[in-house]
């Protein structure tokens, strides 16, 4: 019998990170959580940063815990993270300052400044990326606009997972899926847009070569091997954007489906071979991001469970701690369809007192104001489900075909109420699972890079065999249809 392949996935979300050991026996993948840690933004004098050096410390702790648990025969490891954020290196390869958090306010007003140079429609036609003020293009332009000394000093830009790969190996490169989140990539050529960089006055020398998802970067550096007392481990540029990894793990056999990678953000879309860039996709704010095997993830970024997470943080700060399970139970008991919010409203982007922001939105749109925890969470959950319906209808309109099934993956599917609401609101069958979709996709792309799995279709068949899914059928369709008409009047 062939020795099972052991791989280590580091999956960083916006609020936590984890190290997951994957063992692949040639037919099934099993996973085991080896290390989990918080990932908290740090506010210093009004600016929001990532604690990047502590996060790298946690990566090393995850490796040690895995090895000290008897798994010294790890073949490879890979890191996936959120998109758009980056670190800058000086000419000696040292990190220049703590990387900013995408929710920092330095990008306020930057979209409008960029549009003075490259008009909005033209920029979309050249990138196919949904406009969000947190995008890398606007973060970088804000540094140029405010004459940042860091930008003047920088010699290399590395997006977050590529920065960790560099810390691990000393190799500077940029993985395709994470590069595609920047709004600086030519989606047709799959390379940096020299025209955009030149017109915005952004230094071209910052950007490294782009490598495909599933590229073996190098082995761990000698310094890391010596420090941790371990053997050599191959470091792989997996599908480094967490959504790209999650989409790779969708256990779909047929091609006509919608995915929702459900967590802090809800990333909802389809996987296609070529970008879709036209007036309709621009008007409806769809984005074209990269995936495994040069695929395009045609999707919409929806604010997601960030709204519930921020509500919980506020209630916790007030000393009224409640678990997510308890909040879901309270929401189930609340009266349905009383009020709605647009999950993507600008007021919800920044952290801070989310319950009050929800109430203010309802008040300003002349709706009943949710007061209790259950009412607030119910308002959010049913609004998310109805936003999903609006999005799937837009997808079907743009693509000109019916998409009968929704695959929900990621930690958000632990919220079974939201899964059922999604089926109810859309009138479609929802297949939920796997929960650890991102780390599973990360691991299976590693297996592809090591030659153990040949195709993306094979990956999905293995995931389907290895992890359970739950099916949700639509219920109370008429009531949800009526709610949808109300929702559309509120959010436009």
Protein backbone atom coordinates (compact mmCIF):
# COMPACT_ATOMS: atom_id res chain seq x y z
CA UNK A 1 0.00 0.00 0.00
CA UNK A 2 1.26 3.46 -0.93
CA UNK A 3 2.17 5.69 1.98
CA UNK A 4 -0.50 8.36 2.60
CA UNK A 5 0.41 11.90 1.55
CA UNK A 6 0.50 14.41 4.41
CA UNK A 7 0.09 18.13 3.73
CA UNK A 8 -0.36 21.19 5.93
CA UNK A 9 -2.75 24.04 5.06
CA UNK A 10 -2.68 27.44 6.72
CA UNK A 11 -6.01 29.16 6.20
CA UNK A 12 -6.29 32.79 7.30
CA UNK A 13 -9.70 34.40 7.59
CA UNK A 14 -10.52 37.96 8.57
CA UNK A 15 -10.94 37.02 12.25
CA UNK A 16 -9.00 33.78 12.80
CA UNK A 17 -6.44 31.43 11.33
CA UNK A 18 -5.93 27.70 11.49
CA UNK A 19 -3.42 25.02 10.58
CA UNK A 20 -5.09 21.95 9.08
CA UNK A 21 -3.29 18.66 8.50
CA UNK A 22 -4.54 16.81 5.45
CA UNK A 23 -3.91 13.13 4.80
CA UNK A 24 -4.67 11.79 1.32
CA UNK A 25 -4.69 8.03 0.75
CA UNK A 26 -5.29 8.22 -2.99
CA UNK A 27 -9.08 8.06 -2.70
CA UNK A 28 -10.16 10.16 0.27
CA UNK A 29 -8.88 13.17 2.15
CA UNK A 30 -9.08 13.42 5.93
CA UNK A 31 -8.36 16.59 7.89
CA UNK A 32 -7.32 17.41 11.43
CA UNK A 33 -7.04 20.83 13.01
CA UNK A 34 -3.59 21.21 14.53
CA UNK A 35 -3.59 24.86 15.56
CA UNK A 36 -6.10 27.71 15.74
CA UNK A 37 -5.48 31.34 16.60
CA UNK A 38 -7.21 34.71 16.49
CA UNK A 39 -6.51 37.25 13.77
CA UNK A 40 -7.36 40.64 15.18
CA UNK A 41 -6.84 43.98 13.44
CA UNK A 42 -4.89 46.50 15.48
CA UNK A 43 -6.04 50.13 15.64
CA UNK A 44 -3.17 52.57 16.25
CA UNK A 45 -3.81 56.31 16.19
CA UNK A 46 -6.79 55.90 13.91
CA UNK A 47 -5.17 53.51 11.42
CA UNK A 48 -6.01 49.83 11.11
CA UNK A 49 -3.26 47.24 10.62
CA UNK A 50 -2.72 43.49 10.45
CA UNK A 51 -0.38 42.05 13.10
CA UNK A 52 1.59 40.32 10.37
CA UNK A 53 4.64 39.29 12.38
CA UNK A 54 2.48 37.62 15.04
CA UNK A 55 0.61 35.79 12.29
CA UNK A 56 3.90 34.47 10.93
CA UNK A 57 4.80 33.38 14.46
CA UNK A 58 1.52 31.42 14.49
CA UNK A 59 2.49 29.72 11.21
CA UNK A 60 5.69 28.48 12.83
CA UNK A 61 3.72 27.33 15.88
CA UNK A 62 1.37 25.41 13.60
CA UNK A 63 4.31 23.64 11.93
CA UNK A 64 5.79 22.75 15.33
CA UNK A 65 2.50 21.43 16.70
CA UNK A 66 2.08 19.25 13.66
CA UNK A 67 5.60 17.84 13.84
CA UNK A 68 5.49 17.38 17.62
CA UNK A 69 2.23 15.43 17.24
CA UNK A 70 4.13 12.77 15.33
CA UNK A 71 3.65 14.11 11.80
CA UNK A 72 7.25 14.59 10.79
CA UNK A 73 6.63 13.29 7.27
CA UNK A 74 4.82 16.35 5.92
CA UNK A 75 5.39 16.60 2.18
CA UNK A 76 4.19 20.14 1.66
CA UNK A 77 2.50 23.20 3.10
CA UNK A 78 0.62 26.18 1.68
CA UNK A 79 -0.98 29.42 2.82
CA UNK A 80 -4.24 31.02 1.73
CA UNK A 81 -5.60 34.35 2.97
CA UNK A 82 -8.11 37.08 2.25
CA UNK A 83 -7.45 39.24 -0.83
CA UNK A 84 -6.25 42.77 -1.68
CA UNK A 85 -3.84 43.46 1.24
CA UNK A 86 -0.08 43.53 0.87
CA UNK A 87 3.30 44.16 2.45
CA UNK A 88 6.13 46.27 1.04
CA UNK A 89 9.79 45.21 1.14
CA UNK A 90 12.88 47.39 0.96
CA UNK A 91 15.89 46.72 -1.24
CA UNK A 92 17.27 44.27 1.35
CA UNK A 93 14.01 42.34 1.47
CA UNK A 94 12.93 43.67 4.87
CA UNK A 95 9.30 44.43 5.63
CA UNK A 96 8.50 48.15 5.63
CA UNK A 97 5.99 48.66 8.42
CA UNK A 98 2.91 46.69 9.38
CA UNK A 99 0.59 46.03 6.42
CA UNK A 100 -2.65 47.98 6.48
CA UNK A 101 -6.03 46.34 6.96
CA UNK A 102 -8.42 46.62 4.03
CA UNK A 103 -11.01 48.30 6.28
CA UNK A 104 -8.65 51.17 7.06
CA UNK A 105 -10.05 54.57 6.09
CA UNK A 106 -7.04 55.66 4.01
CA UNK A 107 -8.91 54.68 0.85
CA UNK A 108 -11.81 57.04 1.53
CA UNK A 109 -12.29 59.16 -1.60
CA UNK A 110 -9.62 57.31 -3.57
CA UNK A 111 -12.03 55.71 -6.04
CA UNK A 112 -13.12 59.16 -7.17
CA UNK A 113 -9.50 60.32 -7.52
CA UNK A 114 -8.62 57.28 -9.63
CA UNK A 115 -11.70 57.83 -11.83
CA UNK A 116 -10.38 61.33 -12.65
CA UNK A 117 -7.43 59.59 -14.33
CA UNK A 118 -9.09 56.41 -15.63
CA UNK A 119 -12.88 56.75 -15.94
CA UNK A 120 -14.90 54.13 -14.09
CA UNK A 121 -16.27 52.36 -17.18
CA UNK A 122 -12.84 52.23 -18.80
CA UNK A 123 -11.22 50.82 -15.67
CA UNK A 124 -13.87 48.08 -15.45
CA UNK A 125 -13.41 47.23 -19.13
CA UNK A 126 -9.68 46.76 -18.55
CA UNK A 127 -9.90 44.72 -15.32
CA UNK A 128 -13.40 43.25 -14.98
CA UNK A 129 -13.21 43.77 -11.22
CA UNK A 130 -16.03 44.92 -8.94
CA UNK A 131 -15.39 48.38 -7.51
CA UNK A 132 -14.74 48.33 -3.78
CA UNK A 133 -12.74 51.03 -2.04
CA UNK A 134 -10.69 48.35 -0.27
CA UNK A 135 -9.20 47.04 -3.55
CA UNK A 136 -5.41 47.06 -3.83
CA UNK A 137 -5.51 49.62 -6.62
CA UNK A 138 -7.10 52.19 -4.31
CA UNK A 139 -4.87 51.29 -1.36
CA UNK A 140 -1.76 51.84 -3.49
CA UNK A 141 -3.09 55.00 -5.05
CA UNK A 142 -3.82 56.43 -1.60
CA UNK A 143 -0.13 55.94 -0.76
CA UNK A 144 0.87 57.81 -3.91
CA UNK A 145 -1.78 60.49 -3.32
CA UNK A 146 -0.52 61.18 0.21
CA UNK A 147 3.15 60.85 -0.83
CA UNK A 148 3.83 57.89 1.47
CA UNK A 149 7.53 57.46 2.32
CA UNK A 150 6.92 53.69 2.44
CA UNK A 151 5.93 53.67 -1.21
CA UNK A 152 8.99 55.74 -2.15
CA UNK A 153 11.27 53.33 -0.28
CA UNK A 154 9.64 50.08 -1.43
CA UNK A 155 11.29 47.78 -3.95
CA UNK A 156 8.81 44.87 -3.87
CA UNK A 157 5.08 44.41 -3.20
CA UNK A 158 3.85 41.02 -2.02
CA UNK A 159 0.22 40.21 -1.37
CA UNK A 160 -0.43 38.62 2.01
CA UNK A 161 -0.08 34.89 1.17
CA UNK A 162 2.90 35.63 -1.07
CA UNK A 163 4.46 37.61 1.78
CA UNK A 164 4.17 34.58 4.07
CA UNK A 165 5.61 32.35 1.33
CA UNK A 166 8.55 34.76 1.10
CA UNK A 167 9.08 34.64 4.87
CA UNK A 168 9.09 30.84 4.64
CA UNK A 169 11.34 30.43 1.59
CA UNK A 170 13.02 33.68 0.65
CA UNK A 171 11.38 33.48 -2.81
CA UNK A 172 9.40 36.47 -4.11
CA UNK A 173 6.52 35.62 -6.44
CA UNK A 174 2.81 36.35 -6.84
CA UNK A 175 0.19 33.63 -7.21
CA UNK A 176 -2.45 34.13 -9.90
CA UNK A 177 -5.67 33.97 -7.87
CA UNK A 178 -4.49 36.47 -5.26
CA UNK A 179 -3.09 38.78 -7.97
CA UNK A 180 -6.52 38.85 -9.57
CA UNK A 181 -8.06 40.55 -6.52
CA UNK A 182 -5.94 43.71 -6.93
CA UNK A 183 -7.79 45.36 -9.86
CA UNK A 184 -4.34 45.75 -11.43
CA UNK A 185 -4.43 42.57 -13.53
CA UNK A 186 -5.30 42.20 -17.20
CA UNK A 187 -7.92 39.40 -17.02
CA UNK A 188 -7.42 38.34 -20.63
CA UNK A 189 -3.62 38.10 -20.57
CA UNK A 190 -3.50 37.03 -16.88
CA UNK A 191 -0.64 39.48 -16.24
CA UNK A 192 -0.13 42.88 -14.61
CA UNK A 193 -1.63 45.75 -16.58
CA UNK A 194 1.33 47.96 -17.50
CA UNK A 195 -1.08 50.56 -18.85
CA UNK A 196 -3.00 50.96 -15.56
CA UNK A 197 0.20 51.13 -13.51
CA UNK A 198 1.67 53.75 -15.84
CA UNK A 199 -1.43 55.94 -15.99
CA UNK A 200 -1.80 55.94 -12.21
CA UNK A 201 1.89 56.54 -11.66
CA UNK A 202 2.35 53.36 -9.64
CA UNK A 203 5.87 51.85 -9.66
CA UNK A 204 6.05 48.88 -12.03
CA UNK A 205 9.16 47.52 -10.33
CA UNK A 206 7.11 46.61 -7.22
CA UNK A 207 5.39 43.71 -8.95
CA UNK A 208 6.87 40.22 -9.22
CA UNK A 209 6.21 37.52 -11.79
CA UNK A 210 2.84 35.75 -11.56
CA UNK A 211 2.79 31.98 -11.05
CA UNK A 212 -0.18 29.62 -11.56
CA UNK A 213 -2.19 28.22 -8.66
CA UNK A 214 -0.49 25.01 -7.58
CA UNK A 215 3.13 26.05 -8.15
CA UNK A 216 5.86 24.57 -5.97
CA UNK A 217 7.70 27.71 -4.81
CA UNK A 218 10.64 26.17 -2.94
CA UNK A 219 11.48 24.29 0.22
CA UNK A 220 11.46 25.92 3.65
CA UNK A 221 14.51 28.12 4.10
CA UNK A 222 17.50 26.75 6.01
CA UNK A 223 16.87 29.33 8.74
CA UNK A 224 13.34 28.05 9.33
CA UNK A 225 14.43 24.41 9.19
CA UNK A 226 17.15 25.12 11.75
CA UNK A 227 14.93 27.24 14.01
CA UNK A 228 12.14 24.67 14.16
CA UNK A 229 14.35 21.60 14.09
CA UNK A 230 12.43 20.02 11.23
CA UNK A 231 13.15 18.48 7.86
CA UNK A 232 12.62 20.10 4.50
CA UNK A 233 9.02 20.78 3.47
CA UNK A 234 7.94 21.99 0.03
CA UNK A 235 6.10 25.33 0.09
CA UNK A 236 3.37 25.55 -2.54
CA UNK A 237 1.55 28.56 -3.92
CA UNK A 238 -1.88 26.97 -3.65
CA UNK A 239 -5.00 28.82 -4.76
CA UNK A 240 -3.76 31.52 -2.39
CA UNK A 241 -6.91 33.62 -2.33
CA UNK A 242 -9.12 31.89 0.20
CA UNK A 243 -12.18 32.06 -2.05
CA UNK A 244 -10.26 30.43 -4.90
CA UNK A 245 -9.35 27.55 -2.59
CA UNK A 246 -12.94 27.30 -1.36
CA UNK A 247 -14.30 27.20 -4.91
CA UNK A 248 -11.82 24.45 -5.83
CA UNK A 249 -13.41 22.29 -3.11
CA UNK A 250 -17.02 22.71 -4.26
CA UNK A 251 -18.23 19.09 -4.60
CA UNK A 252 -20.10 19.68 -7.86
CA UNK A 253 -20.28 17.18 -10.68
CA UNK A 254 -22.48 19.15 -13.10
CA UNK A 255 -21.39 22.51 -14.48
CA UNK A 256 -24.59 24.53 -14.03
CA UNK A 257 -24.50 25.62 -10.42
CA UNK A 258 -23.89 28.66 -8.26
CA UNK A 259 -21.46 28.64 -5.35
CA UNK A 260 -21.53 30.70 -2.19
CA UNK A 261 -18.34 30.73 -0.18
CA UNK A 262 -19.97 31.72 3.05
CA UNK A 263 -18.15 33.36 5.95
CA UNK A 264 -17.21 36.92 6.90
CA UNK A 265 -17.85 37.67 3.24
CA UNK A 266 -20.28 35.86 0.98
CA UNK A 267 -18.66 35.28 -2.40
CA UNK A 268 -21.38 34.20 -4.81
CA UNK A 269 -20.84 33.25 -8.41
CA UNK A 270 -19.95 30.69 -11.05
CA UNK A 271 -16.74 29.24 -12.47
CA UNK A 272 -16.12 29.89 -16.17
CA UNK A 273 -13.28 29.69 -18.70
CA UNK A 274 -13.13 33.32 -19.86
CA UNK A 275 -13.98 36.64 -18.19
CA UNK A 276 -17.36 38.27 -18.73
CA UNK A 277 -16.86 42.02 -19.10
CA UNK A 278 -19.74 44.01 -20.52
CA UNK A 279 -22.16 46.80 -19.64
CA UNK A 280 -24.49 44.45 -17.79
CA UNK A 281 -21.78 42.86 -15.63
CA UNK A 282 -20.45 46.34 -14.85
CA UNK A 283 -23.86 47.74 -13.95
CA UNK A 284 -24.56 44.75 -11.68
CA UNK A 285 -21.09 44.96 -10.05
CA UNK A 286 -19.79 41.49 -10.91
CA UNK A 287 -16.11 40.70 -10.71
CA UNK A 288 -13.77 38.41 -12.64
CA UNK A 289 -11.17 36.82 -10.37
CA UNK A 290 -8.71 34.01 -11.00
CA UNK A 291 -9.05 30.37 -10.02
CA UNK A 292 -7.34 27.01 -10.33
CA UNK A 293 -6.32 25.94 -13.85
CA UNK A 294 -6.62 29.55 -15.07
CA UNK A 295 -10.38 29.50 -14.47
CA UNK A 296 -12.34 32.69 -13.90
CA UNK A 297 -14.45 33.07 -10.78
CA UNK A 298 -17.28 35.31 -12.00
CA UNK A 299 -18.84 36.50 -8.78
CA UNK A 300 -20.17 39.21 -6.54
CA UNK A 301 -18.70 40.12 -3.16
CA UNK A 302 -21.51 40.38 -0.59
CA UNK A 303 -20.85 41.65 2.93
CA UNK A 304 -21.83 38.31 4.48
CA UNK A 305 -21.76 37.23 8.11
CA UNK A 306 -19.50 40.18 8.98
CA UNK A 307 -22.74 41.90 10.00
CA UNK A 308 -23.58 39.22 12.58
CA UNK A 309 -19.95 38.94 13.72
CA UNK A 310 -19.77 42.68 14.33
CA UNK A 311 -23.08 42.66 16.20
CA UNK A 312 -21.74 39.91 18.46
CA UNK A 313 -18.52 41.86 19.07
CA UNK A 314 -20.54 44.90 20.12
CA UNK A 315 -22.77 42.91 22.47
CA UNK A 316 -19.69 41.20 23.92
CA UNK A 317 -18.06 44.61 24.52
CA UNK A 318 -21.19 45.66 26.37
CA UNK A 319 -20.81 42.64 28.64
CA UNK A 320 -23.83 40.82 27.20
CA UNK A 321 -22.08 37.78 25.76
CA UNK A 322 -24.08 35.37 23.63
CA UNK A 323 -22.86 32.51 21.42
CA UNK A 324 -23.58 32.38 17.70
CA UNK A 325 -25.79 29.32 18.31
CA UNK A 326 -27.81 31.27 20.88
CA UNK A 327 -28.15 34.22 18.49
CA UNK A 328 -29.43 31.88 15.77
CA UNK A 329 -31.99 30.41 18.19
CA UNK A 330 -33.16 33.92 19.13
CA UNK A 331 -33.47 34.85 15.45
CA UNK A 332 -35.59 31.78 14.72
CA UNK A 333 -38.07 32.97 17.35
CA UNK A 334 -38.26 36.53 16.00
CA UNK A 335 -41.13 37.58 13.74
CA UNK A 336 -40.19 37.16 10.05
CA UNK A 337 -40.03 39.81 7.33
CA UNK A 338 -40.45 42.82 9.60
CA UNK A 339 -37.45 44.78 8.29
CA UNK A 340 -34.61 44.43 5.80
CA UNK A 341 -31.16 45.90 5.15
CA UNK A 342 -28.90 46.07 2.15
CA UNK A 343 -25.95 43.96 3.38
CA UNK A 344 -23.62 45.92 1.08
CA UNK A 345 -24.57 49.38 2.30
CA UNK A 346 -21.47 51.55 2.79
CA UNK A 347 -22.29 52.20 6.44
CA UNK A 348 -21.68 48.51 7.23
CA UNK A 349 -18.11 48.32 5.86
CA UNK A 350 -16.25 49.74 8.85
CA UNK A 351 -16.23 48.06 12.28
CA UNK A 352 -18.06 49.50 15.26
CA UNK A 353 -21.54 49.24 16.87
CA UNK A 354 -23.16 47.23 14.09
CA UNK A 355 -26.50 46.78 15.93
CA UNK A 356 -26.96 50.55 15.94
CA UNK A 357 -26.00 50.76 12.26
CA UNK A 358 -28.63 48.14 11.43
CA UNK A 359 -31.24 50.09 13.39
CA UNK A 360 -30.26 53.36 11.75
CA UNK A 361 -30.62 51.82 8.28
CA UNK A 362 -34.10 50.58 9.12
CA UNK A 363 -35.07 53.93 10.64
CA UNK A 364 -33.78 55.87 7.62
CA UNK A 365 -35.73 53.61 5.23
CA UNK A 366 -38.98 54.00 7.23
CA UNK A 367 -39.11 50.41 8.44
CA UNK A 368 -39.82 49.02 11.90
CA UNK A 369 -36.60 49.20 13.91
CA UNK A 370 -35.33 45.83 15.24
CA UNK A 371 -34.58 46.12 18.95
CA UNK A 372 -33.79 42.70 20.41
CA UNK A 373 -30.79 40.57 19.45
CA UNK A 374 -33.08 38.07 17.77
CA UNK A 375 -34.79 40.75 15.71
CA UNK A 376 -31.47 42.22 14.57
CA UNK A 377 -29.99 38.85 13.57
CA UNK A 378 -33.24 37.80 11.85
CA UNK A 379 -33.18 41.04 9.87
CA UNK A 380 -29.60 40.33 8.75
CA UNK A 381 -30.14 36.66 7.88
CA UNK A 382 -33.26 37.13 5.80
CA UNK A 383 -31.70 40.16 4.06
CA UNK A 384 -28.63 38.08 3.15
CA UNK A 385 -30.80 35.29 1.74
CA UNK A 386 -32.78 37.78 -0.34
CA UNK A 387 -29.55 39.39 -1.54
CA UNK A 388 -28.48 35.93 -2.69
CA UNK A 389 -31.69 35.65 -4.69
CA UNK A 390 -31.09 39.02 -6.33
CA UNK A 391 -27.55 37.93 -7.18
CA UNK A 392 -28.49 34.56 -8.66
CA UNK A 393 -31.16 36.22 -10.80
CA UNK A 394 -28.51 38.62 -12.09
CA UNK A 395 -26.14 35.73 -12.82
CA UNK A 396 -28.79 33.88 -14.80
CA UNK A 397 -29.61 37.06 -16.73
CA UNK A 398 -25.97 37.75 -17.64
CA UNK A 399 -25.16 34.14 -18.57
CA UNK A 400 -28.48 33.46 -20.28
CA UNK A 401 -29.16 30.16 -18.58
CA UNK A 402 -30.82 28.60 -15.54
CA UNK A 403 -28.62 27.70 -12.57
CA UNK A 404 -30.70 25.14 -10.65
CA UNK A 405 -28.45 24.33 -7.68
CA UNK A 406 -26.61 26.42 -5.11
CA UNK A 407 -23.53 24.96 -3.40
CA UNK A 408 -22.83 26.67 -0.08
CA UNK A 409 -19.41 26.01 1.42
CA UNK A 410 -17.39 27.39 4.31
CA UNK A 411 -17.85 28.10 7.99
CA UNK A 412 -21.03 30.08 7.42
CA UNK A 413 -22.97 26.90 6.66
CA UNK A 414 -22.89 26.10 10.37
CA UNK A 415 -25.71 28.64 10.41
CA UNK A 416 -28.38 26.18 9.31
CA UNK A 417 -31.02 28.90 9.46
CA UNK A 418 -29.19 30.88 6.78
CA UNK A 419 -28.85 27.77 4.60
CA UNK A 420 -32.59 27.11 4.82
CA UNK A 421 -33.38 30.79 4.26
CA UNK A 422 -31.22 30.68 1.11
CA UNK A 423 -33.20 27.76 -0.29
CA UNK A 424 -36.47 29.47 0.64
CA UNK A 425 -35.53 32.84 -0.82
CA UNK A 426 -34.07 31.54 -4.10
CA UNK A 427 -36.48 28.65 -4.64
CA UNK A 428 -33.48 26.45 -5.42
CA UNK A 429 -31.98 23.35 -3.89
CA UNK A 430 -29.07 24.23 -1.62
CA UNK A 431 -26.27 21.72 -1.06
CA UNK A 432 -24.24 22.76 2.00
CA UNK A 433 -20.74 21.44 2.59
CA UNK A 434 -17.93 21.08 3.24
CA UNK A 435 -17.51 23.43 6.22
CA UNK A 436 -13.71 23.66 5.99
CA UNK A 437 -13.92 24.31 2.26
CA UNK A 438 -10.99 26.71 2.05
CA UNK A 439 -8.48 24.48 3.81
CA UNK A 440 -9.74 21.45 1.87
CA UNK A 441 -9.27 23.29 -1.42
CA UNK A 442 -5.86 24.45 -0.26
CA UNK A 443 -4.86 20.85 0.45
CA UNK A 444 -6.24 19.40 -2.78
CA UNK A 445 -4.42 22.01 -4.89
CA UNK A 446 -1.25 20.95 -3.04
CA UNK A 447 -2.03 17.36 -4.04
CA UNK A 448 -2.37 18.51 -7.65
CA UNK A 449 0.96 20.36 -7.45
CA UNK A 450 2.61 17.16 -6.15
CA UNK A 451 1.14 15.11 -9.02
CA UNK A 452 -1.16 13.00 -6.81
CA UNK A 453 -4.34 14.36 -8.43
CA UNK A 454 -4.58 15.25 -12.10
CA UNK A 455 -7.66 17.41 -12.69
CA UNK A 456 -10.02 19.80 -10.95
CA UNK A 457 -12.89 17.45 -11.70
CA UNK A 458 -11.01 14.68 -9.88
CA UNK A 459 -10.46 17.04 -6.95
CA UNK A 460 -14.20 17.63 -6.67
CA UNK A 461 -15.01 13.94 -6.85
CA UNK A 462 -12.56 13.28 -4.00
CA UNK A 463 -14.11 16.06 -1.91
CA UNK A 464 -17.58 14.66 -2.56
CA UNK A 465 -16.47 11.22 -1.36
CA UNK A 466 -14.57 12.57 1.64
CA UNK A 467 -16.95 15.05 3.27
CA UNK A 468 -20.70 15.09 3.97
CA UNK A 469 -23.17 17.57 2.50
CA UNK A 470 -26.63 18.59 3.69
CA UNK A 471 -29.46 19.30 1.24
CA UNK A 472 -31.98 22.07 1.90
CA UNK A 473 -35.18 22.19 -0.16
CA UNK A 474 -37.21 25.41 -0.56
CA UNK A 475 -40.01 26.03 1.96
CA UNK A 476 -42.63 28.78 2.37
CA UNK A 477 -41.92 29.97 -1.16
CA UNK A 478 -44.95 32.27 -1.45
CA UNK A 479 -44.11 34.12 1.75
CA UNK A 480 -40.51 34.58 0.61
CA UNK A 481 -41.67 35.82 -2.81
CA UNK A 482 -43.71 38.51 -1.07
CA UNK A 483 -40.77 39.39 1.16
CA UNK A 484 -38.56 39.70 -1.91
CA UNK A 485 -40.82 42.35 -3.41
CA UNK A 486 -40.53 44.35 -0.17
CA UNK A 487 -36.77 43.83 -0.10
CA UNK A 488 -36.29 45.15 -3.63
CA UNK A 489 -38.13 48.36 -2.76
CA UNK A 490 -35.81 48.89 0.20
CA UNK A 491 -32.45 48.12 -1.43
CA UNK A 492 -33.21 49.13 -5.01
